[in-house]
PDB file of N, CA and C in Angstrom:
ATOM      1  N   MET A   1      16.302  21.975  -2.518  1.00  0.00           N
ATOM      2  CA  MET A   1      15.991  23.226  -1.849  1.00  0.00           C
ATOM      3  C   MET A   1      15.486  22.607  -0.371  1.00  0.00           C
ATOM      4  N   HIS A   2      16.729  22.743   1.051  1.00  0.00           N
ATOM      5  CA  HIS A   2      16.779  22.232   1.844  1.00  0.00           C
ATOM      6  C   HIS A   2      15.849  23.220   3.084  1.00  0.00           C
ATOM      7  N   ILE A   3      15.176  22.723   3.936  1.00  0.00           N
ATOM      8  CA  ILE A   3      14.661  24.136   4.797  1.00  0.00           C
ATOM      9  C   ILE A   3      14.603  23.066   6.240  1.00  0.00           C
ATOM     10  N   GLN A   4      15.055  23.560   7.164  1.00  0.00           N
ATOM     11  CA  GLN A   4      14.876  23.366   8.261  1.00  0.00           C
ATOM     12  C   GLN A   4      13.527  23.455   9.342  1.00  0.00           C
ATOM     13  N   PHE A   5      13.044  22.892   9.657  1.00  0.00           N
ATOM     14  CA  PHE A   5      11.555  22.779  10.384  1.00  0.00           C
ATOM     15  C   PHE A   5      11.515  22.525  11.442  1.00  0.00           C
ATOM     16  N   ASN A   6      11.526  23.329  12.955  1.00  0.00           N
ATOM     17  CA  ASN A   6      11.508  23.034  14.024  1.00  0.00           C
ATOM     18  C   ASN A   6       9.757  22.426  14.343  1.00  0.00           C
ATOM     19  N   PHE A   7       9.672  21.826  14.958  1.00  0.00           N
ATOM     20  CA  PHE A   7       8.418  20.899  15.204  1.00  0.00           C
ATOM     21  C   PHE A   7       7.925  21.689  16.876  1.00  0.00           C
ATOM     22  N   PRO A   8       6.871  22.069  16.755  1.00  0.00           N
ATOM     23  CA  PRO A   8       6.195  22.343  17.965  1.00  0.00           C
ATOM     24  C   PRO A   8       6.504  21.022  19.681  1.00  0.00           C
ATOM     25  N   ASP A   9       7.426  21.821  20.677  1.00  0.00           N
ATOM     26  CA  ASP A   9       7.580  20.668  21.512  1.00  0.00           C
ATOM     27  C   ASP A   9       6.329  20.079  21.931  1.00  0.00           C
ATOM     28  N   GLN A  10       5.170  21.208  21.739  1.00  0.00           N
ATOM     29  CA  GLN A  10       3.786  19.950  22.107  1.00  0.00           C
ATOM     30  C   GLN A  10       3.821  18.851  21.581  1.00  0.00           C
ATOM     31  N   ASP A  11       4.002  18.601  20.146  1.00  0.00           N
ATOM     32  CA  ASP A  11       3.487  17.748  19.396  1.00  0.00           C
ATOM     33  C   ASP A  11       4.572  16.093  19.990  1.00  0.00           C
ATOM     34  N   LYS A  12       5.241  16.176  20.419  1.00  0.00           N
ATOM     35  CA  LYS A  12       6.590  15.565  20.427  1.00  0.00           C
ATOM     36  C   LYS A  12       6.112  13.982  21.740  1.00  0.00           C
ATOM     37  N   ASP A  13       5.177  14.905  22.511  1.00  0.00           N
ATOM     38  CA  ASP A  13       4.441  14.153  23.133  1.00  0.00           C
ATOM     39  C   ASP A  13       3.409  13.051  22.753  1.00  0.00           C
ATOM     40  N   HIS A  14       3.012  13.501  21.820  1.00  0.00           N
ATOM     41  CA  HIS A  14       1.752  12.952  21.019  1.00  0.00           C
ATOM     42  C   HIS A  14       2.193  11.896  19.462  1.00  0.00           C
ATOM     43  N   ILE A  15       3.454  11.900  19.724  1.00  0.00           N
ATOM     44  CA  ILE A  15       4.489  10.647  18.703  1.00  0.00           C
ATOM     45  C   ILE A  15       4.025   9.246  19.192  1.00  0.00           C
ATOM     46  N   VAL A  16       3.981   8.349  18.210  1.00  0.00           N
ATOM     47  CA  VAL A  16       4.188   7.262  19.056  1.00  0.00           C
ATOM     48  C   VAL A  16       4.525   6.306  17.746  1.00  0.00           C
ATOM     49  N   TYR A  17       4.860   5.192  17.835  1.00  0.00           N
ATOM     50  CA  TYR A  17       5.696   4.602  17.018  1.00  0.00           C
ATOM     51  C   TYR A  17       5.246   3.118  16.943  1.00  0.00           C
ATOM     52  N   VAL A  18       5.137   2.844  15.285  1.00  0.00           N
ATOM     53  CA  VAL A  18       3.635   2.210  15.160  1.00  0.00           C
ATOM     54  C   VAL A  18       5.190   0.463  14.421  1.00  0.00           C
ATOM     55  N   ARG A  19       5.200  -0.827  14.948  1.00  0.00           N
ATOM     56  CA  ARG A  19       6.107  -1.567  14.315  1.00  0.00           C
ATOM     57  C   ARG A  19       5.384  -2.807  14.282  1.00  0.00           C
ATOM     58  N   LEU A  20       6.206  -4.134  13.617  1.00  0.00           N
ATOM     59  CA  LEU A  20       5.435  -5.272  13.775  1.00  0.00           C
ATOM     60  C   LEU A  20       6.356  -5.570  14.359  1.00  0.00           C
ATOM     61  N   VAL A  21       5.416  -6.883  15.213  1.00  0.00           N
ATOM     62  CA  VAL A  21       6.250  -7.612  16.023  1.00  0.00           C
ATOM     63  C   VAL A  21       6.125  -8.700  16.170  1.00  0.00           C
ATOM     64  N   ASP A  22       7.100  -9.614  16.077  1.00  0.00           N
ATOM     65  CA  ASP A  22       6.727 -11.188  16.474  1.00  0.00           C
ATOM     66  C   ASP A  22       5.783 -11.550  17.489  1.00  0.00           C
ATOM     67  N   LEU A  23       5.167 -12.766  17.084  1.00  0.00           N
ATOM     68  CA  LEU A  23       4.184 -13.075  18.023  1.00  0.00           C
ATOM     69  C   LEU A  23       5.439 -13.966  19.149  1.00  0.00           C
ATOM     70  N   ALA A  24       6.411 -14.434  19.068  1.00  0.00           N
ATOM     71  CA  ALA A  24       7.050 -15.119  20.210  1.00  0.00           C
ATOM     72  C   ALA A  24       7.790 -13.934  21.039  1.00  0.00           C
ATOM     73  N   ASP A  25       8.002 -12.470  20.684  1.00  0.00           N
ATOM     74  CA  ASP A  25       7.908 -11.900  21.629  1.00  0.00           C
ATOM     75  C   ASP A  25       7.369 -11.242  22.492  1.00  0.00           C
ATOM     76  N   LEU A  26       5.775 -11.589  22.349  1.00  0.00           N
ATOM     77  CA  LEU A  26       5.231 -11.360  23.619  1.00  0.00           C
ATOM     78  C   LEU A  26       5.079 -11.768  24.676  1.00  0.00           C
ATOM     79  N   PRO A  27       4.400 -11.820  25.912  1.00  0.00           N
ATOM     80  CA  PRO A  27       4.422 -12.208  27.078  1.00  0.00           C
ATOM     81  C   PRO A  27       2.947 -13.536  26.594  1.00  0.00           C
ATOM     82  N   GLU A  28       3.498 -14.778  27.078  1.00  0.00           N
ATOM     83  CA  GLU A  28       2.906 -15.961  26.594  1.00  0.00           C
ATOM     84  C   GLU A  28       1.194 -15.610  27.003  1.00  0.00           C
ATOM     85  N   GLU A  29       0.571 -14.411  28.128  1.00  0.00           N
ATOM     86  CA  GLU A  29      -0.145 -14.624  28.741  1.00  0.00           C
ATOM     87  C   GLU A  29      -1.014 -13.640  27.466  1.00  0.00           C
ATOM     88  N   VAL A  30      -0.497 -12.663  26.592  1.00  0.00           N
ATOM     89  CA  VAL A  30      -0.850 -11.857  25.472  1.00  0.00           C
ATOM     90  C   VAL A  30      -0.753 -13.095  24.106  1.00  0.00           C
ATOM     91  N   GLN A  31       0.140 -13.850  24.144  1.00  0.00           N
ATOM     92  CA  GLN A  31       0.360 -15.361  23.008  1.00  0.00           C
ATOM     93  C   GLN A  31      -1.177 -15.528  23.124  1.00  0.00           C
ATOM     94  N   GLU A  32      -1.308 -16.203  24.522  1.00  0.00           N
ATOM     95  CA  GLU A  32      -2.915 -16.995  24.710  1.00  0.00           C
ATOM     96  C   GLU A  32      -4.046 -16.290  24.210  1.00  0.00           C
ATOM     97  N   GLN A  33      -4.146 -15.073  24.253  1.00  0.00           N
ATOM     98  CA  GLN A  33      -4.933 -14.260  23.237  1.00  0.00           C
ATOM     99  C   GLN A  33      -5.180 -13.798  21.894  1.00  0.00           C
ATOM    100  N   ILE A  34      -4.097 -13.696  21.320  1.00  0.00           N
ATOM    101  CA  ILE A  34      -4.498 -14.099  20.203  1.00  0.00           C
ATOM    102  C   ILE A  34      -4.449 -14.733  19.216  1.00  0.00           C
ATOM    103  N   ASP A  35      -5.961 -14.849  18.129  1.00  0.00           N
ATOM    104  CA  ASP A  35      -6.133 -16.034  17.660  1.00  0.00           C
ATOM    105  C   ASP A  35      -5.213 -16.426  16.374  1.00  0.00           C
ATOM    106  N   GLY A  36      -4.508 -17.288  16.187  1.00  0.00           N
ATOM    107  CA  GLY A  36      -4.098 -17.536  14.877  1.00  0.00           C
ATOM    108  C   GLY A  36      -2.908 -16.839  14.387  1.00  0.00           C
ATOM    109  N   ASP A  37      -2.068 -16.664  13.346  1.00  0.00           N
ATOM    110  CA  ASP A  37      -1.176 -16.103  13.805  1.00  0.00           C
ATOM    111  C   ASP A  37      -0.530 -15.578  12.720  1.00  0.00           C
ATOM    112  N   GLY A  38      -1.430 -14.664  12.156  1.00  0.00           N
ATOM    113  CA  GLY A  38      -0.740 -13.414  11.592  1.00  0.00           C
ATOM    114  C   GLY A  38      -0.011 -12.548  11.839  1.00  0.00           C
ATOM    115  N   PRO A  39       0.206 -11.252  11.966  1.00  0.00           N
ATOM    116  CA  PRO A  39       0.660 -10.345  11.855  1.00  0.00           C
ATOM    117  C   PRO A  39       0.176  -9.308  13.170  1.00  0.00           C
ATOM    118  N   VAL A  40       0.935  -8.818  13.880  1.00  0.00           N
ATOM    119  CA  VAL A  40       0.687  -8.158  14.920  1.00  0.00           C
ATOM    120  C   VAL A  40       1.841  -7.137  15.260  1.00  0.00           C
ATOM    121  N   TYR A  41       0.450  -5.662  15.234  1.00  0.00           N
ATOM    122  CA  TYR A  41       1.188  -4.752  15.426  1.00  0.00           C
ATOM    123  C   TYR A  41       1.325  -3.609  16.442  1.00  0.00           C
ATOM    124  N   ALA A  42       2.596  -3.615  17.327  1.00  0.00           N
ATOM    125  CA  ALA A  42       2.946  -2.803  18.139  1.00  0.00           C
ATOM    126  C   ALA A  42       3.007  -1.195  18.166  1.00  0.00           C
ATOM    127  N   ILE A  43       2.031  -0.781  19.279  1.00  0.00           N
ATOM    128  CA  ILE A  43       2.333   1.043  19.381  1.00  0.00           C
ATOM    129  C   ILE A  43       2.639   1.211  20.600  1.00  0.00           C
ATOM    130  N   HIS A  44       3.853   2.009  20.091  1.00  0.00           N
ATOM    131  CA  HIS A  44       5.281   2.400  21.463  1.00  0.00           C
ATOM    132  C   HIS A  44       5.136   3.827  21.757  1.00  0.00           C
ATOM    133  N   THR A  45       5.145   4.369  22.899  1.00  0.00           N
ATOM    134  CA  THR A  45       5.484   6.062  23.441  1.00  0.00           C
ATOM    135  C   THR A  45       6.942   5.740  22.768  1.00  0.00           C
ATOM    136  N   GLY A  46       7.578   7.516  22.923  1.00  0.00           N
ATOM    137  CA  GLY A  46       8.580   7.704  22.309  1.00  0.00           C
ATOM    138  C   GLY A  46       9.451   6.875  23.242  1.00  0.00           C
ATOM    139  N   ASP A  47       9.463   6.778  24.551  1.00  0.00           N
ATOM    140  CA  ASP A  47      10.513   6.063  25.667  1.00  0.00           C
ATOM    141  C   ASP A  47      10.188   4.045  25.423  1.00  0.00           C
ATOM    142  N   GLY A  48      10.003   4.060  24.709  1.00  0.00           N
ATOM    143  CA  GLY A  48       9.554   2.569  24.335  1.00  0.00           C
ATOM    144  C   GLY A  48       8.313   1.666  24.917  1.00  0.00           C
ATOM    145  N   GLU A  49       7.557   2.473  26.088  1.00  0.00           N
ATOM    146  CA  GLU A  49       6.949   1.592  26.627  1.00  0.00           C
ATOM    147  C   GLU A  49       5.366   1.125  25.373  1.00  0.00           C
ATOM    148  N   ARG A  50       5.517   0.124  25.650  1.00  0.00           N
ATOM    149  CA  ARG A  50       4.234  -0.288  24.336  1.00  0.00           C
ATOM    150  C   ARG A  50       2.905  -0.243  24.720  1.00  0.00           C
ATOM    151  N   ILE A  51       2.168   0.706  24.374  1.00  0.00           N
ATOM    152  CA  ILE A  51       0.642   0.805  24.674  1.00  0.00           C
ATOM    153  C   ILE A  51      -0.350   0.363  24.184  1.00  0.00           C
ATOM    154  N   ALA A  52      -0.314  -0.672  23.232  1.00  0.00           N
ATOM    155  CA  ALA A  52      -1.262  -1.376  22.191  1.00  0.00           C
ATOM    156  C   ALA A  52      -0.616  -2.029  21.645  1.00  0.00           C
ATOM    157  N   LEU A  53      -1.901  -3.407  21.028  1.00  0.00           N
ATOM    158  CA  LEU A  53      -1.451  -4.032  19.721  1.00  0.00           C
ATOM    159  C   LEU A  53      -2.621  -4.149  19.197  1.00  0.00           C
ATOM    160  N   ALA A  54      -2.104  -4.455  17.775  1.00  0.00           N
ATOM    161  CA  ALA A  54      -3.572  -4.366  16.656  1.00  0.00           C
ATOM    162  C   ALA A  54      -2.770  -5.329  15.866  1.00  0.00           C
ATOM    163  N   ARG A  55      -4.189  -5.827  14.915  1.00  0.00           N
ATOM    164  CA  ARG A  55      -3.850  -6.839  14.310  1.00  0.00           C
ATOM    165  C   ARG A  55      -3.406  -6.845  12.999  1.00  0.00           C
ATOM    166  N   ASP A  56      -3.275  -5.445  12.354  1.00  0.00           N
ATOM    167  CA  ASP A  56      -3.024  -4.839  10.891  1.00  0.00           C
ATOM    168  C   ASP A  56      -2.580  -3.448  11.299  1.00  0.00           C
ATOM    169  N   ARG A  57      -1.754  -2.934  10.291  1.00  0.00           N
ATOM    170  CA  ARG A  57      -1.045  -1.491  10.322  1.00  0.00           C
ATOM    171  C   ARG A  57      -2.164  -0.602  10.328  1.00  0.00           C
ATOM    172  N   ASN A  58      -3.096  -0.644   9.099  1.00  0.00           N
ATOM    173  CA  ASN A  58      -3.897   0.534   9.230  1.00  0.00           C
ATOM    174  C   ASN A  58      -4.673   0.518  10.493  1.00  0.00           C
ATOM    175  N   LEU A  59      -5.297  -0.124  11.020  1.00  0.00           N
ATOM    176  CA  LEU A  59      -5.944  -0.326  12.344  1.00  0.00           C
ATOM    177  C   LEU A  59      -5.036   0.455  13.089  1.00  0.00           C
ATOM    178  N   ALA A  60      -3.629  -0.187  13.372  1.00  0.00           N
ATOM    179  CA  ALA A  60      -2.585   0.489  14.507  1.00  0.00           C
ATOM    180  C   ALA A  60      -2.743   2.007  14.241  1.00  0.00           C
ATOM    181  N   PHE A  61      -3.054   2.550  12.793  1.00  0.00           N
ATOM    182  CA  PHE A  61      -2.512   4.017  12.462  1.00  0.00           C
ATOM    183  C   PHE A  61      -4.240   4.606  13.222  1.00  0.00           C
ATOM    184  N   ALA A  62      -5.098   3.696  13.100  1.00  0.00           N
ATOM    185  CA  ALA A  62      -6.195   4.904  13.091  1.00  0.00           C
ATOM    186  C   ALA A  62      -6.242   4.762  14.260  1.00  0.00           C
ATOM    187  N   LEU A  63      -6.207   4.069  15.479  1.00  0.00           N
ATOM    188  CA  LEU A  63      -6.245   3.558  16.844  1.00  0.00           C
ATOM    189  C   LEU A  63      -5.164   5.100  17.209  1.00  0.00           C
ATOM    190  N   ALA A  64      -4.627   4.916  16.785  1.00  0.00           N
ATOM    191  CA  ALA A  64      -3.196   6.051  17.173  1.00  0.00           C
ATOM    192  C   ALA A  64      -4.103   7.525  17.287  1.00  0.00           C
ATOM    193  N   ARG A  65      -4.299   7.834  16.128  1.00  0.00           N
ATOM    194  CA  ARG A  65      -5.484   8.984  15.436  1.00  0.00           C
ATOM    195  C   ARG A  65      -6.737   9.108  16.466  1.00  0.00           C
ATOM    196  N   THR A  66      -6.945   8.195  16.887  1.00  0.00           N
ATOM    197  CA  THR A  66      -8.278   8.033  17.371  1.00  0.00           C
ATOM    198  C   THR A  66      -8.122   8.727  19.089  1.00  0.00           C
ATOM    199  N   ASN A  67      -7.002   8.259  19.315  1.00  0.00           N
ATOM    200  CA  ASN A  67      -6.222   8.875  20.473  1.00  0.00           C
ATOM    201  C   ASN A  67      -5.469   9.887  20.443  1.00  0.00           C
ATOM    202  N   GLU A  68      -5.448  11.015  19.234  1.00  0.00           N
ATOM    203  CA  GLU A  68      -5.389  12.129  19.533  1.00  0.00           C
ATOM    204  C   GLU A  68      -3.677  11.873  19.164  1.00  0.00           C
ATOM    205  N   MET A  69      -2.936  10.853  18.889  1.00  0.00           N
ATOM    206  CA  MET A  69      -1.982  10.550  18.747  1.00  0.00           C
ATOM    207  C   MET A  69      -1.361  10.751  17.596  1.00  0.00           C
ATOM    208  N   VAL A  70      -0.315  10.625  16.878  1.00  0.00           N
ATOM    209  CA  VAL A  70       0.660  11.168  15.433  1.00  0.00           C
ATOM    210  C   VAL A  70       1.471   9.903  15.386  1.00  0.00           C
ATOM    211  N   PRO A  71       1.048   9.027  15.039  1.00  0.00           N
ATOM    212  CA  PRO A  71       2.166   7.300  14.512  1.00  0.00           C
ATOM    213  C   PRO A  71       2.899   7.551  13.321  1.00  0.00           C
ATOM    214  N   VAL A  72       3.911   7.504  13.672  1.00  0.00           N
ATOM    215  CA  VAL A  72       5.265   7.209  12.586  1.00  0.00           C
ATOM    216  C   VAL A  72       5.653   5.874  12.172  1.00  0.00           C
ATOM    217  N   SER A  73       5.932   5.179  11.558  1.00  0.00           N
ATOM    218  CA  SER A  73       5.991   3.691  11.214  1.00  0.00           C
ATOM    219  C   SER A  73       7.698   3.762  11.461  1.00  0.00           C
ATOM    220  N   VAL A  74       8.004   2.401  12.317  1.00  0.00           N
ATOM    221  CA  VAL A  74       9.115   1.951  12.575  1.00  0.00           C
ATOM    222  C   VAL A  74       9.394   0.376  11.973  1.00  0.00           C
ATOM    223  N   HIS A  75      10.508   0.096  11.395  1.00  0.00           N
ATOM    224  CA  HIS A  75      11.239  -0.644  10.904  1.00  0.00           C
ATOM    225  C   HIS A  75      12.077  -1.475  11.910  1.00  0.00           C
TER     226      HIS A  75
END
């Protein structure tokens, strides 16, 4: 069964995207503040603005939800 669902417009402003980023892609001043070389996840708004960084995916999702945003994963 295929059912189309139109999401309310109010939710689209709260959707953020979580993706794994390479440390080398971050500005030098940000790289200097990160201990170790483990993974870093970025949280982006719909227009691509990076609004936060987190050490792991679960933390990134929790951070977004705590701030009343709806996180989705981007590969």
